[in-house]
Amino acid sequence: MLVRGSGGRGRAKVTHAVVVIFLEFFAWGLLTTPMLTVLHETFPQHTFLMNGLVQGVKGFLSFLSAPLIGALSDIWGRKSFLLMTVFFTCAPIPFMRISPWWYFALISVSGIFAVTFSVIFAYVADITEEHERSTAYGLVSATFAASLVTSPAIGAYLSAQYDDSLVVLIATVIAVVDIAFVFFVVPESLPDKMRLMSRGFPISWEQADPFASLRRVGKDSTVLLICVTVFLSYLPEAGQYSSFFLYLRQVIEFSPAAIAAFIAMVGVLSIIAQTVFLGVLMRTIGNKNTVLLGLGFQLLQLTWYGFGSEPWMMWAAGTVAAMSSITFPAVSALVSHSASPDQQGVAQGMITGIRGLCNGLGPALYGFIFFLFNVELNDMEPVSGRTTEHTEKLIIPGPPFLFGACAVLFALLVAIFIPEHHRPADIKTCAAHKSTSTSAAHAQSANTLAMSNSDTEDIEPLLQDSSM
């Protein structure tokens, strides 16, 4: 297991990943309130449909680029790609005040490199033992939640007391600090011997082509089940994140202070769930059952959001939402356990690519369903009488959330068939195949080995295939 590199590589710690994630998403969390304002002012008609289009382009580009970035990080190391993803993810922030049109354009294009999570999870996999990995992933995901506990409230307060320009300036400074931290402080996590062994092995189109990854997903039943589960569970989560705060403000009539308190409550409970309960659950009921439990909480949460029409119902559902946050780190650990040590970037890149696709489809889908059911989200303030009266007549105040609950139900049914453990022999076979393929690239006996590779190409598991 490549978890303790030589030559000072042991200095790479999970703490480095935690700090990078916290600063990046704290900067974006500050912009929650200004983002709603700029979005509405730039696209006054069908605001969330246009937001879905912008996020759709970004998500599709992330889906296309994630496998290549993951594969390259397996060869050239994590740090350079971590620096690249953080820089391009944060690059649109100052343009929120410089030019809103450039801001939304850069958000769309930034999807090419906005795959920080895949590189971070590969980074964590490099420096942790397998039995520690689920806890480490939970810590990283909890840090993401922690970054959103106070930052939206701070951003809303500064925006109200001063103006959006100050909030954007602070967010920009934090983003610069994050980039500097990666450049000057974060050490490389991938051992030199692994990078040197891989540099003579060129990147093929198969590794860069996300559609090739999707085509080969069906040839490994475990990977297929994991990918379908991720898609069906994260699609409603991505849509919910894009519209839920404005939904609370306009349909449920939460005040800005109540929204900030709601975010803080869910964030704190998510941190507890992912740092305390996740580790306990993984040790007691296992990886797969933890995923199933998280999906069960998500199903209950979305159903409650869909039928809830009173503020107390949203608060109660928010506590359930915190427990559902254990799903993604549990799935990431499941993927990591199924991948060989030199394929962590590819494996996490594939999952991040699917999440990127959901980040594009989810907001557009939610915006379309709101529009289809005449639940208007275009106005920044509740329209007195009209919205409340219309909502009271609806049996289902939040139709998109009920749709999301149906998607999660299917994800739960699919996840039941995910095997609890992978076969260790598969990893060894693939490791041997990796060594054979690398030697073939530098030896005269390449023809014979190439024939052997072509014979086995169609039956190798995707996550354990070194030529992915």
Protein backbone atom coordinates (compact mmCIF):
# COMPACT_ATOMS: atom_id res chain seq x y z
CA MET A 1 0.00 0.00 0.00
CA LEU A 2 1.48 3.36 -1.07
CA VAL A 3 0.62 5.32 2.01
CA ARG A 4 3.98 6.16 3.54
CA GLY A 5 6.27 7.62 0.90
CA SER A 6 9.97 7.89 1.39
CA GLY A 7 12.11 10.98 1.16
CA GLY A 8 9.85 13.14 3.30
CA ARG A 9 6.63 12.20 1.53
CA GLY A 10 5.19 11.14 4.86
CA ARG A 11 4.75 14.84 5.59
CA ALA A 12 1.68 14.86 3.38
CA LYS A 13 -1.30 14.77 5.73
CA VAL A 14 -5.06 14.71 5.56
CA THR A 15 -4.87 18.14 7.24
CA HIS A 16 -3.55 19.61 3.99
CA ALA A 17 -6.59 18.32 2.09
CA VAL A 18 -8.91 19.60 4.81
CA VAL A 19 -7.49 23.14 4.67
CA VAL A 20 -7.69 23.29 0.85
CA ILE A 21 -11.33 22.21 0.81
CA PHE A 22 -12.31 24.51 3.68
CA LEU A 23 -10.83 27.67 2.12
CA GLU A 24 -12.21 26.97 -1.35
CA PHE A 25 -15.80 26.40 -0.26
CA PHE A 26 -15.72 29.04 2.48
CA ALA A 27 -14.94 31.57 -0.25
CA TRP A 28 -17.87 30.36 -2.34
CA GLY A 29 -20.15 30.16 0.72
CA LEU A 30 -19.63 33.86 1.36
CA LEU A 31 -21.13 34.53 -2.06
CA THR A 32 -24.46 32.75 -1.39
CA THR A 33 -26.49 35.95 -0.98
CA PRO A 34 -24.64 38.07 -3.61
CA MET A 35 -24.94 35.16 -6.03
CA LEU A 36 -28.75 35.18 -5.77
CA THR A 37 -28.80 38.93 -6.39
CA VAL A 38 -26.45 38.84 -9.39
CA LEU A 39 -28.29 35.85 -10.83
CA HIS A 40 -31.63 37.61 -10.62
CA GLU A 41 -30.31 40.91 -11.99
CA THR A 42 -28.51 39.24 -14.91
CA PHE A 43 -31.36 36.87 -15.81
CA PRO A 44 -34.58 38.49 -14.60
CA GLN A 45 -36.73 36.09 -16.62
CA HIS A 46 -36.67 32.38 -15.79
CA THR A 47 -33.78 32.87 -13.41
CA PHE A 48 -33.28 29.29 -12.36
CA LEU A 49 -33.66 27.92 -15.86
CA MET A 50 -30.75 30.13 -16.91
CA ASN A 51 -28.85 29.11 -13.80
CA GLY A 52 -29.43 25.51 -14.80
CA LEU A 53 -28.01 26.21 -18.25
CA VAL A 54 -24.86 27.80 -16.81
CA GLN A 55 -24.39 24.99 -14.31
CA GLY A 56 -25.20 22.46 -17.03
CA VAL A 57 -22.32 23.61 -19.21
CA LYS A 58 -19.99 23.58 -16.21
CA GLY A 59 -21.11 20.13 -15.14
CA PHE A 60 -20.80 18.65 -18.63
CA LEU A 61 -17.26 20.03 -18.99
CA SER A 62 -16.36 18.55 -15.58
CA PHE A 63 -17.73 15.23 -16.73
CA LEU A 64 -15.54 15.38 -19.84
CA SER A 65 -12.34 16.44 -18.07
CA ALA A 66 -12.45 14.54 -14.77
CA PRO A 67 -11.17 11.16 -16.10
CA LEU A 68 -8.20 12.79 -17.86
CA ILE A 69 -7.23 14.93 -14.86
CA GLY A 70 -7.54 11.91 -12.57
CA ALA A 71 -5.39 9.76 -14.88
CA LEU A 72 -2.74 12.47 -15.26
CA SER A 73 -2.56 12.97 -11.50
CA ASP A 74 -1.82 9.25 -11.14
CA ILE A 75 1.29 9.78 -13.29
CA TRP A 76 2.52 13.32 -12.63
CA GLY A 77 1.44 13.69 -9.02
CA ARG A 78 -1.42 15.35 -7.18
CA LYS A 79 -0.02 18.76 -6.21
CA SER A 80 0.20 20.34 -9.68
CA PHE A 81 -3.34 19.28 -10.54
CA LEU A 82 -4.63 20.34 -7.14
CA LEU A 83 -3.16 23.79 -7.77
CA MET A 84 -4.76 23.88 -11.21
CA THR A 85 -8.22 22.82 -10.04
CA VAL A 86 -8.29 25.26 -7.09
CA PHE A 87 -7.11 28.15 -9.28
CA PHE A 88 -9.68 27.65 -12.03
CA THR A 89 -12.51 26.88 -9.60
CA CYS A 90 -11.92 30.19 -7.80
CA ALA A 91 -11.05 32.26 -10.90
CA PRO A 92 -14.65 33.47 -11.55
CA ILE A 93 -15.07 34.99 -8.06
CA PRO A 94 -13.70 38.54 -8.66
CA PHE A 95 -15.66 38.82 -11.91
CA MET A 96 -18.93 38.82 -9.96
CA ARG A 97 -18.42 42.59 -9.52
CA ILE A 98 -16.24 43.28 -12.55
CA SER A 99 -18.67 41.87 -15.11
CA PRO A 100 -21.59 39.53 -14.31
CA TRP A 101 -21.65 38.19 -17.87
CA TRP A 102 -17.95 37.33 -17.69
CA TYR A 103 -18.62 35.82 -14.26
CA PHE A 104 -21.21 33.37 -15.57
CA ALA A 105 -19.13 32.65 -18.67
CA LEU A 106 -16.09 31.81 -16.53
CA ILE A 107 -18.20 29.63 -14.24
CA SER A 108 -19.26 27.63 -17.29
CA VAL A 109 -15.73 27.26 -18.67
CA SER A 110 -14.22 26.57 -15.24
CA GLY A 111 -15.94 23.20 -15.33
CA ILE A 112 -12.97 21.89 -17.32
CA PHE A 113 -10.83 22.07 -14.17
CA ALA A 114 -13.44 22.29 -11.39
CA VAL A 115 -12.80 18.75 -10.11
CA THR A 116 -11.01 19.51 -6.85
CA PHE A 117 -12.79 16.74 -4.95
CA SER A 118 -11.47 13.97 -7.22
CA VAL A 119 -7.86 15.11 -6.76
CA ILE A 120 -8.36 15.62 -3.01
CA PHE A 121 -9.79 12.12 -2.52
CA ALA A 122 -6.93 10.63 -4.54
CA TYR A 123 -4.52 12.68 -2.38
CA VAL A 124 -6.10 11.26 0.77
CA ALA A 125 -5.96 7.72 -0.64
CA ASP A 126 -2.20 8.12 -1.20
CA ILE A 127 -1.47 8.88 2.45
CA THR A 128 -3.93 6.68 4.38
CA GLU A 129 -4.21 3.00 5.04
CA GLU A 130 -7.27 1.31 3.61
CA HIS A 131 -8.95 0.89 7.00
CA GLU A 132 -8.45 4.63 7.71
CA ARG A 133 -9.76 5.88 4.40
CA SER A 134 -13.49 6.04 5.09
CA THR A 135 -12.85 8.13 8.21
CA ALA A 136 -10.53 10.43 6.27
CA TYR A 137 -13.11 10.89 3.52
CA GLY A 138 -15.71 11.66 6.16
CA LEU A 139 -13.41 14.32 7.62
CA VAL A 140 -12.94 15.94 4.20
CA SER A 141 -16.69 15.92 3.54
CA ALA A 142 -17.35 17.26 7.03
CA THR A 143 -14.91 20.08 6.32
CA PHE A 144 -16.94 20.94 3.23
CA ALA A 145 -20.01 21.16 5.48
CA ALA A 146 -18.08 23.18 8.06
CA SER A 147 -17.06 25.72 5.42
CA LEU A 148 -20.75 26.35 4.76
CA VAL A 149 -21.79 26.61 8.41
CA THR A 150 -20.94 30.26 8.93
CA SER A 151 -19.86 31.62 5.56
CA PRO A 152 -23.37 32.23 4.09
CA ALA A 153 -24.43 34.05 7.27
CA ILE A 154 -21.23 36.12 7.29
CA GLY A 155 -21.68 36.94 3.61
CA ALA A 156 -25.32 37.94 4.12
CA TYR A 157 -24.41 40.14 7.11
CA LEU A 158 -21.58 41.92 5.30
CA SER A 159 -23.74 42.38 2.22
CA ALA A 160 -26.52 43.96 4.30
CA GLN A 161 -24.21 46.17 6.39
CA TYR A 162 -21.90 47.24 3.58
CA ASP A 163 -22.32 45.96 0.03
CA ASP A 164 -21.70 42.97 -2.20
CA SER A 165 -18.36 44.39 -3.36
CA LEU A 166 -16.81 43.87 0.07
CA VAL A 167 -18.06 40.27 0.19
CA VAL A 168 -16.58 39.57 -3.24
CA LEU A 169 -13.27 41.16 -2.18
CA ILE A 170 -13.04 39.00 0.95
CA ALA A 171 -13.92 35.87 -1.02
CA THR A 172 -11.23 36.72 -3.57
CA VAL A 173 -8.60 37.17 -0.85
CA ILE A 174 -9.53 33.81 0.70
CA ALA A 175 -9.28 32.16 -2.73
CA VAL A 176 -5.79 33.65 -3.22
CA VAL A 177 -4.76 32.37 0.23
CA ASP A 178 -6.00 28.90 -0.76
CA ILE A 179 -3.96 28.95 -3.99
CA ALA A 180 -0.88 30.14 -2.10
CA PHE A 181 -1.37 27.41 0.51
CA VAL A 182 -1.39 24.72 -2.18
CA PHE A 183 1.67 26.21 -3.90
CA PHE A 184 3.86 26.84 -0.85
CA VAL A 185 2.65 24.43 1.86
CA VAL A 186 0.94 21.34 0.41
CA PRO A 187 3.50 18.55 -0.26
CA GLU A 188 3.22 15.96 -2.99
CA SER A 189 1.44 12.79 -1.82
CA LEU A 190 2.25 10.37 -4.63
CA PRO A 191 5.56 8.56 -3.96
CA ASP A 192 8.43 9.23 -6.36
CA LYS A 193 8.80 5.57 -7.25
CA MET A 194 5.20 5.37 -8.43
CA ARG A 195 5.49 8.51 -10.55
CA LEU A 196 8.82 7.45 -12.06
CA MET A 197 7.42 4.02 -12.91
CA SER A 198 4.42 5.57 -14.65
CA ARG A 199 6.07 8.40 -16.60
CA GLY A 200 7.23 6.08 -19.36
CA PHE A 201 3.68 4.81 -19.76
CA PRO A 202 1.86 7.26 -22.07
CA ILE A 203 -1.69 8.50 -21.57
CA SER A 204 -3.99 6.91 -24.11
CA TRP A 205 -7.26 8.21 -25.53
CA GLU A 206 -9.01 5.47 -23.55
CA GLN A 207 -7.94 7.18 -20.33
CA ALA A 208 -9.03 10.65 -21.44
CA ASP A 209 -12.32 9.67 -23.07
CA PRO A 210 -15.15 9.82 -20.48
CA PHE A 211 -17.53 8.08 -22.87
CA ALA A 212 -15.09 5.17 -23.10
CA SER A 213 -15.25 5.01 -19.31
CA LEU A 214 -19.02 4.90 -19.46
CA ARG A 215 -18.95 2.19 -22.13
CA ARG A 216 -16.67 0.07 -19.99
CA VAL A 217 -18.68 0.65 -16.82
CA GLY A 218 -21.19 -1.95 -17.95
CA LYS A 219 -18.45 -4.60 -18.12
CA ASP A 220 -17.88 -4.46 -14.36
CA SER A 221 -21.12 -5.01 -12.45
CA THR A 222 -19.78 -3.51 -9.21
CA VAL A 223 -18.68 -0.29 -10.90
CA LEU A 224 -21.96 -0.08 -12.82
CA LEU A 225 -24.00 -0.35 -9.63
CA ILE A 226 -21.86 2.26 -7.83
CA CYS A 227 -22.07 4.71 -10.75
CA VAL A 228 -25.86 4.35 -11.08
CA THR A 229 -26.22 4.84 -7.32
CA VAL A 230 -24.08 7.99 -7.41
CA PHE A 231 -26.00 9.41 -10.37
CA LEU A 232 -29.48 8.78 -8.96
CA SER A 233 -28.62 10.03 -5.47
CA TYR A 234 -26.57 13.09 -6.41
CA LEU A 235 -28.86 14.35 -9.19
CA PRO A 236 -31.56 15.54 -6.73
CA GLU A 237 -28.91 16.79 -4.28
CA ALA A 238 -27.35 19.02 -6.95
CA GLY A 239 -30.75 20.37 -7.97
CA GLN A 240 -31.73 20.95 -4.37
CA TYR A 241 -28.56 22.89 -3.58
CA SER A 242 -29.16 25.26 -6.52
CA SER A 243 -32.68 26.28 -5.55
CA PHE A 244 -33.43 25.32 -1.95
CA PHE A 245 -32.39 28.56 -0.22
CA LEU A 246 -34.54 30.67 -2.51
CA TYR A 247 -37.35 28.13 -2.12
CA LEU A 248 -37.18 28.58 1.66
CA ARG A 249 -37.17 32.34 1.27
CA GLN A 250 -40.03 32.69 -1.19
CA VAL A 251 -42.33 29.68 -0.83
CA ILE A 252 -41.87 28.77 2.85
CA GLU A 253 -41.22 32.48 3.68
CA PHE A 254 -38.05 32.08 5.73
CA SER A 255 -36.34 35.32 6.69
CA PRO A 256 -32.67 35.80 5.63
CA ALA A 257 -31.65 35.28 9.27
CA ALA A 258 -33.65 32.04 9.44
CA ILE A 259 -31.99 30.78 6.23
CA ALA A 260 -28.54 31.51 7.66
CA ALA A 261 -29.48 29.72 10.90
CA PHE A 262 -30.85 26.77 8.90
CA ILE A 263 -27.58 26.45 6.95
CA ALA A 264 -25.59 26.63 10.18
CA MET A 265 -27.72 23.97 11.89
CA VAL A 266 -27.51 21.53 8.99
CA GLY A 267 -23.79 22.21 8.65
CA VAL A 268 -23.03 21.54 12.32
CA LEU A 269 -25.11 18.36 12.34
CA SER A 270 -23.44 17.23 9.10
CA ILE A 271 -20.02 17.67 10.70
CA ILE A 272 -21.10 15.53 13.65
CA ALA A 273 -22.60 12.91 11.33
CA GLN A 274 -19.48 12.67 9.16
CA THR A 275 -16.87 12.76 11.92
CA VAL A 276 -18.59 10.78 14.69
CA PHE A 277 -21.41 8.65 13.31
CA LEU A 278 -19.75 7.77 9.99
CA GLY A 279 -16.75 6.09 11.61
CA VAL A 280 -18.95 4.21 14.07
CA LEU A 281 -21.31 3.05 11.34
CA MET A 282 -18.49 1.93 9.05
CA ARG A 283 -17.02 -0.19 11.83
CA THR A 284 -20.30 -1.68 13.03
CA ILE A 285 -22.55 -2.18 10.01
CA GLY A 286 -20.00 -2.00 7.19
CA ASN A 287 -19.43 0.18 4.14
CA LYS A 288 -22.37 -0.93 2.02
CA ASN A 289 -24.93 -0.73 4.83
CA THR A 290 -23.69 2.77 5.68
CA VAL A 291 -24.40 3.81 2.08
CA LEU A 292 -27.89 2.27 2.31
CA LEU A 293 -28.58 4.07 5.60
CA GLY A 294 -27.47 7.41 4.13
CA LEU A 295 -29.73 6.89 1.12
CA GLY A 296 -32.61 6.07 3.46
CA PHE A 297 -32.13 9.35 5.30
CA GLN A 298 -31.94 11.21 1.98
CA LEU A 299 -35.20 9.60 0.84
CA LEU A 300 -36.96 10.68 4.03
CA GLN A 301 -35.48 14.19 3.81
CA LEU A 302 -36.60 14.81 0.21
CA THR A 303 -40.07 13.40 0.86
CA TRP A 304 -40.41 15.73 3.83
CA TYR A 305 -39.25 18.70 1.75
CA GLY A 306 -41.74 17.79 -0.98
CA PHE A 307 -44.82 17.61 1.26
CA GLY A 308 -43.75 20.11 3.92
CA SER A 309 -45.49 23.47 3.89
CA GLU A 310 -44.67 24.81 7.35
CA PRO A 311 -41.33 26.20 8.61
CA TRP A 312 -41.08 23.63 11.43
CA MET A 313 -41.28 20.84 8.85
CA MET A 314 -38.25 22.27 7.05
CA TRP A 315 -36.28 22.45 10.30
CA ALA A 316 -37.15 18.84 11.11
CA ALA A 317 -36.24 17.67 7.61
CA GLY A 318 -32.95 19.57 7.91
CA THR A 319 -31.84 17.33 10.77
CA VAL A 320 -32.51 14.30 8.57
CA ALA A 321 -30.57 15.98 5.73
CA ALA A 322 -27.52 16.16 7.99
CA MET A 323 -27.56 12.40 8.48
CA SER A 324 -27.93 11.82 4.74
CA SER A 325 -24.57 13.57 4.25
CA ILE A 326 -22.76 10.34 5.16
CA THR A 327 -23.64 8.85 1.77
CA PHE A 328 -20.96 10.44 -0.41
CA PRO A 329 -17.91 9.75 1.80
CA ALA A 330 -19.15 6.18 2.25
CA VAL A 331 -19.49 5.75 -1.53
CA SER A 332 -16.04 7.31 -2.08
CA ALA A 333 -14.53 4.85 0.39
CA LEU A 334 -16.29 2.01 -1.41
CA VAL A 335 -14.80 3.13 -4.72
CA SER A 336 -11.36 3.59 -3.18
CA HIS A 337 -11.39 0.08 -1.70
CA SER A 338 -12.16 -1.33 -5.15
CA ALA A 339 -9.32 0.51 -6.89
CA SER A 340 -5.65 -0.40 -6.99
CA PRO A 341 -3.21 2.08 -5.34
CA ASP A 342 -1.99 3.50 -8.67
CA GLN A 343 -5.54 4.04 -9.95
CA GLN A 344 -7.03 6.21 -7.20
CA GLY A 345 -7.04 9.33 -9.38
CA VAL A 346 -8.82 7.54 -12.22
CA ALA A 347 -11.37 6.00 -9.86
CA GLN A 348 -12.21 9.21 -8.03
CA GLY A 349 -12.15 11.15 -11.30
CA MET A 350 -14.82 8.87 -12.71
CA ILE A 351 -17.11 9.44 -9.72
CA THR A 352 -16.41 13.19 -9.78
CA GLY A 353 -17.24 13.23 -13.49
CA ILE A 354 -20.65 11.70 -12.76
CA ARG A 355 -21.21 14.24 -10.00
CA GLY A 356 -20.21 16.99 -12.43
CA LEU A 357 -22.83 15.74 -14.86
CA CYS A 358 -25.39 15.83 -12.04
CA ASN A 359 -24.28 19.38 -11.14
CA GLY A 360 -25.33 20.35 -14.63
CA LEU A 361 -28.52 18.33 -14.98
CA GLY A 362 -29.83 18.81 -11.43
CA PRO A 363 -30.31 22.60 -11.40
CA ALA A 364 -31.83 22.59 -14.89
CA LEU A 365 -34.19 19.75 -13.96
CA TYR A 366 -35.32 21.39 -10.73
CA GLY A 367 -35.80 24.75 -12.42
CA PHE A 368 -37.87 23.13 -15.17
CA ILE A 369 -40.08 21.24 -12.71
CA PHE A 370 -40.69 24.39 -10.65
CA PHE A 371 -41.58 26.19 -13.88
CA LEU A 372 -43.80 23.29 -15.01
CA PHE A 373 -45.79 23.38 -11.76
CA ASN A 374 -46.01 27.20 -11.80
CA VAL A 375 -43.98 27.63 -8.61
CA GLU A 376 -42.32 30.91 -9.50
CA LEU A 377 -38.81 31.52 -8.15
CA ASN A 378 -37.98 34.57 -10.22
CA ASP A 379 -38.77 37.27 -7.67
CA MET A 380 -36.26 37.97 -4.93
CA GLU A 381 -38.99 38.75 -2.42
CA PRO A 382 -42.19 36.78 -1.77
CA VAL A 383 -45.08 38.21 -3.74
CA SER A 384 -47.71 38.92 -1.17
CA GLY A 385 -50.86 36.87 -1.53
CA ARG A 386 -50.01 35.24 -4.86
CA THR A 387 -47.28 32.80 -3.85
CA THR A 388 -48.77 31.91 -0.47
CA GLU A 389 -52.26 31.47 -1.85
CA HIS A 390 -50.96 29.35 -4.72
CA THR A 391 -48.85 27.23 -2.39
CA GLU A 392 -51.79 26.57 -0.05
CA LYS A 393 -53.72 25.04 -2.95
CA LEU A 394 -50.93 22.63 -3.75
CA ILE A 395 -50.92 19.19 -2.19
CA ILE A 396 -47.22 19.01 -2.98
CA PRO A 397 -45.60 22.43 -2.36
CA GLY A 398 -42.18 21.23 -3.62
CA PRO A 399 -42.69 18.96 -6.66
CA PRO A 400 -38.96 18.73 -7.56
CA PHE A 401 -38.13 17.37 -4.12
CA LEU A 402 -40.68 14.59 -4.51
CA PHE A 403 -39.16 13.76 -7.89
CA GLY A 404 -35.78 13.65 -6.18
CA ALA A 405 -37.18 11.27 -3.57
CA CYS A 406 -38.26 8.90 -6.35
CA ALA A 407 -34.75 9.02 -7.85
CA VAL A 408 -33.19 8.24 -4.45
CA LEU A 409 -35.62 5.34 -4.00
CA PHE A 410 -34.29 3.82 -7.22
CA ALA A 411 -30.72 4.52 -6.03
CA LEU A 412 -31.50 2.65 -2.80
CA LEU A 413 -32.81 -0.34 -4.74
CA VAL A 414 -29.71 -0.38 -6.95
CA ALA A 415 -27.31 -0.04 -4.01
CA ILE A 416 -28.75 -3.14 -2.38
CA PHE A 417 -27.01 -5.21 -5.06
CA ILE A 418 -23.55 -3.65 -4.58
CA PRO A 419 -21.22 -6.33 -3.18
CA GLU A 420 -19.83 -5.57 0.26
CA HIS A 421 -16.26 -6.63 -0.50
CA HIS A 422 -14.13 -6.80 -3.63
CA ARG A 423 -11.89 -9.78 -4.33
CA PRO A 424 -8.25 -9.11 -3.35
CA ALA A 425 -7.12 -11.43 -6.15
CA ASP A 426 -8.47 -8.99 -8.70
CA ILE A 427 -6.16 -6.25 -7.45
CA LYS A 428 -3.14 -8.54 -7.58
CA THR A 429 -3.98 -9.65 -11.09
CA CYS A 430 -4.29 -6.07 -12.21
CA ALA A 431 -1.11 -5.03 -10.48
CA ALA A 432 0.67 -7.78 -12.34
CA HIS A 433 -0.95 -6.63 -15.55
CA LYS A 434 0.22 -3.06 -14.82
CA SER A 435 3.79 -4.26 -14.35
CA THR A 436 3.62 -6.38 -17.49
CA SER A 437 2.18 -3.54 -19.56
CA THR A 438 4.80 -1.08 -18.35
CA SER A 439 7.60 -3.50 -19.10
CA ALA A 440 6.15 -4.13 -22.53
CA ALA A 441 6.36 -0.42 -23.31
CA HIS A 442 10.12 -0.59 -22.82
CA ALA A 443 10.98 -4.13 -23.96
CA GLN A 444 11.30 -5.94 -27.25
CA SER A 445 8.64 -8.51 -26.41
CA ALA A 446 5.79 -6.04 -26.76
CA ASN A 447 3.94 -7.92 -29.49
CA THR A 448 3.28 -11.03 -27.44
CA LEU A 449 2.17 -9.03 -24.44
CA ALA A 450 -0.04 -6.79 -26.54
CA MET A 451 -1.91 -9.86 -27.79
CA SER A 452 -2.42 -10.94 -24.18
CA ASN A 453 -3.68 -7.48 -23.27
CA SER A 454 -6.19 -7.43 -26.09
CA ASP A 455 -7.50 -10.83 -25.07
CA THR A 456 -8.21 -9.71 -21.51
CA GLU A 457 -9.26 -6.12 -22.18
CA ASP A 458 -12.97 -6.84 -22.29
CA ILE A 459 -13.14 -8.71 -19.00
CA GLU A 460 -11.02 -6.59 -16.67
CA PRO A 461 -12.87 -4.68 -13.95
CA LEU A 462 -12.87 -0.96 -14.74
CA LEU A 463 -11.64 0.34 -11.41
CA GLN A 464 -8.82 -2.14 -11.35
CA ASP A 465 -7.75 -1.79 -15.00
CA SER A 466 -4.44 0.03 -15.21
CA SER A 467 -4.94 0.98 -18.83
CA MET A 468 -8.12 2.95 -18.01
